[in-house]
């Protein structure tokens, strides 16, 4: 009789331990899905380091020279435009010169007003859709 009760007790403990292990398998772990993903696919794409490739000095020197040449061309163009505008005004009579200067002032004020209007409208839209 005693032997039978011991067997029943061990059988009960064994079944109980199996059910507890199955229950533990069902518990939700915080990062379980992330760990499973890492196991399947490896590291995430965002963590990859970008390899820096140094260019030869000759290439860097050529790029710098090209940039300097572009800046020089741009400044030369701006200077020639200013010279052309000044010459256009200088060859006119004094009445026409005064009218041209007044037109430039008027267009500048119109442009400022237009920019101001656009800026206020975009501010309102930005506040509206925040």
Protein backbone atom coordinates (compact mmCIF):
# COMPACT_ATOMS: atom_id res chain seq x y z
CA UNK A 1 0.00 0.00 0.00
CA UNK A 2 2.79 2.33 0.96
CA UNK A 3 4.63 1.51 -2.27
CA UNK A 4 1.54 2.34 -4.32
CA UNK A 5 1.08 5.75 -2.70
CA UNK A 6 4.76 6.61 -3.31
CA UNK A 7 4.33 5.73 -6.98
CA UNK A 8 1.21 7.87 -7.20
CA UNK A 9 3.02 10.74 -5.50
CA UNK A 10 5.98 10.59 -7.93
CA UNK A 11 3.62 10.26 -10.88
CA UNK A 12 1.71 13.32 -9.63
CA UNK A 13 4.97 15.31 -9.20
CA UNK A 14 6.16 14.23 -12.65
CA UNK A 15 2.92 15.30 -14.36
CA UNK A 16 2.92 18.54 -12.40
CA UNK A 17 6.49 19.32 -13.48
CA UNK A 18 5.59 18.68 -17.13
CA UNK A 19 2.61 21.02 -16.98
CA UNK A 20 4.70 23.72 -15.29
CA UNK A 21 7.33 23.49 -18.04
CA UNK A 22 4.61 23.81 -20.70
CA UNK A 23 3.18 26.82 -18.88
CA UNK A 24 6.60 28.45 -18.75
CA UNK A 25 6.87 28.06 -22.50
CA UNK A 26 3.73 30.17 -22.92
CA UNK A 27 4.91 33.15 -20.85
CA UNK A 28 5.40 36.28 -22.96
CA UNK A 29 8.97 37.52 -22.85
CA UNK A 30 9.61 41.18 -23.54
CA UNK A 31 12.00 40.83 -26.50
CA UNK A 32 11.23 37.29 -27.58
CA UNK A 33 10.08 38.26 -31.08
CA UNK A 34 13.11 40.51 -31.58
CA UNK A 35 15.46 37.72 -30.48
CA UNK A 36 13.78 35.29 -32.86
CA UNK A 37 14.13 37.82 -35.68
CA UNK A 38 17.81 38.32 -34.91
CA UNK A 39 18.31 34.58 -34.91
CA UNK A 40 16.71 34.26 -38.32
CA UNK A 41 18.02 37.31 -40.10
CA UNK A 42 21.14 38.34 -38.20
CA UNK A 43 21.89 41.91 -37.22
CA UNK A 44 19.59 44.73 -38.22
CA UNK A 45 20.41 46.84 -41.26
CA UNK A 46 20.60 50.08 -39.29
CA UNK A 47 23.65 48.99 -37.31
CA UNK A 48 25.91 48.32 -40.28
CA UNK A 49 28.98 50.51 -40.36
CA UNK A 50 29.66 52.43 -43.51
CA UNK A 51 33.08 51.77 -44.92
CA UNK A 52 35.09 54.92 -45.51
CA UNK A 53 37.10 54.88 -48.69
CA UNK A 54 39.88 57.39 -49.00
CA UNK A 55 40.44 58.78 -52.42
CA UNK A 56 43.92 59.30 -53.78
CA UNK A 57 45.49 62.73 -53.26
CA UNK A 58 45.47 63.42 -56.97
CA UNK A 59 41.69 62.97 -57.05
CA UNK A 60 41.19 65.24 -54.02
CA UNK A 61 43.48 67.84 -55.53
CA UNK A 62 41.60 67.73 -58.84
CA UNK A 63 38.24 68.13 -57.05
CA UNK A 64 39.50 71.12 -55.08
CA UNK A 65 40.87 72.69 -58.24
CA UNK A 66 37.55 72.14 -59.99
CA UNK A 67 35.64 73.74 -57.09
CA UNK A 68 37.96 76.74 -57.10
CA UNK A 69 37.48 77.10 -60.85
CA UNK A 70 33.67 76.97 -60.45
CA UNK A 71 33.77 79.67 -57.74
CA UNK A 72 35.95 81.87 -59.91
CA UNK A 73 33.64 81.48 -62.91
CA UNK A 74 30.61 82.29 -60.77
CA UNK A 75 32.18 85.42 -59.31
CA UNK A 76 33.34 86.53 -62.78
CA UNK A 77 29.80 86.07 -64.08
CA UNK A 78 28.33 88.10 -61.21
CA UNK A 79 30.86 90.88 -61.78
CA UNK A 80 30.08 90.99 -65.50
CA UNK A 81 26.33 91.17 -64.78
CA UNK A 82 26.85 94.09 -62.39
CA UNK A 83 29.07 95.84 -64.90
CA UNK A 84 26.48 95.35 -67.63
CA UNK A 85 23.67 96.69 -65.44
CA UNK A 86 25.74 99.71 -64.43
CA UNK A 87 26.62 100.43 -68.06
CA UNK A 88 22.96 100.11 -69.06
CA UNK A 89 22.04 102.76 -66.51
CA UNK A 90 25.03 105.00 -67.31
CA UNK A 91 24.25 105.32 -71.01
CA UNK A 92 20.74 106.64 -70.33
CA UNK A 93 19.73 110.26 -69.85
CA UNK A 94 19.25 111.58 -66.32
CA UNK A 95 15.42 111.39 -66.55
CA UNK A 96 15.52 107.76 -67.62
CA UNK A 97 18.12 106.97 -64.96
CA UNK A 98 15.85 108.37 -62.23
CA UNK A 99 12.88 106.39 -63.60
CA UNK A 100 14.96 103.18 -63.73
CA UNK A 101 16.13 103.61 -60.13
CA UNK A 102 12.55 104.24 -59.01
CA UNK A 103 11.39 101.11 -60.86
CA UNK A 104 14.09 99.08 -59.12
CA UNK A 105 12.96 100.39 -55.72
CA UNK A 106 9.31 99.63 -56.52
CA UNK A 107 10.09 96.08 -57.64
CA UNK A 108 12.20 95.52 -54.51
CA UNK A 109 9.32 96.62 -52.24
CA UNK A 110 6.86 94.43 -54.21
CA UNK A 111 9.16 91.45 -53.85
CA UNK A 112 9.51 92.04 -50.10
CA UNK A 113 5.74 92.29 -49.68
CA UNK A 114 5.21 89.12 -51.70
CA UNK A 115 7.81 87.21 -49.69
CA UNK A 116 6.26 88.45 -46.45
CA UNK A 117 2.80 87.29 -47.57
CA UNK A 118 4.11 83.86 -48.55
CA UNK A 119 5.93 83.52 -45.24
CA UNK A 120 2.84 84.42 -43.18
CA UNK A 121 0.66 82.05 -45.21
CA UNK A 122 3.06 79.17 -44.68
CA UNK A 123 3.22 79.95 -40.95
CA UNK A 124 -0.58 79.78 -40.74
CA UNK A 125 -0.64 76.51 -42.66
CA UNK A 126 2.09 75.11 -40.46
CA UNK A 127 0.12 76.01 -37.32
CA UNK A 128 -3.08 74.65 -38.79
CA UNK A 129 -1.65 71.22 -39.59
CA UNK A 130 0.60 70.77 -36.55
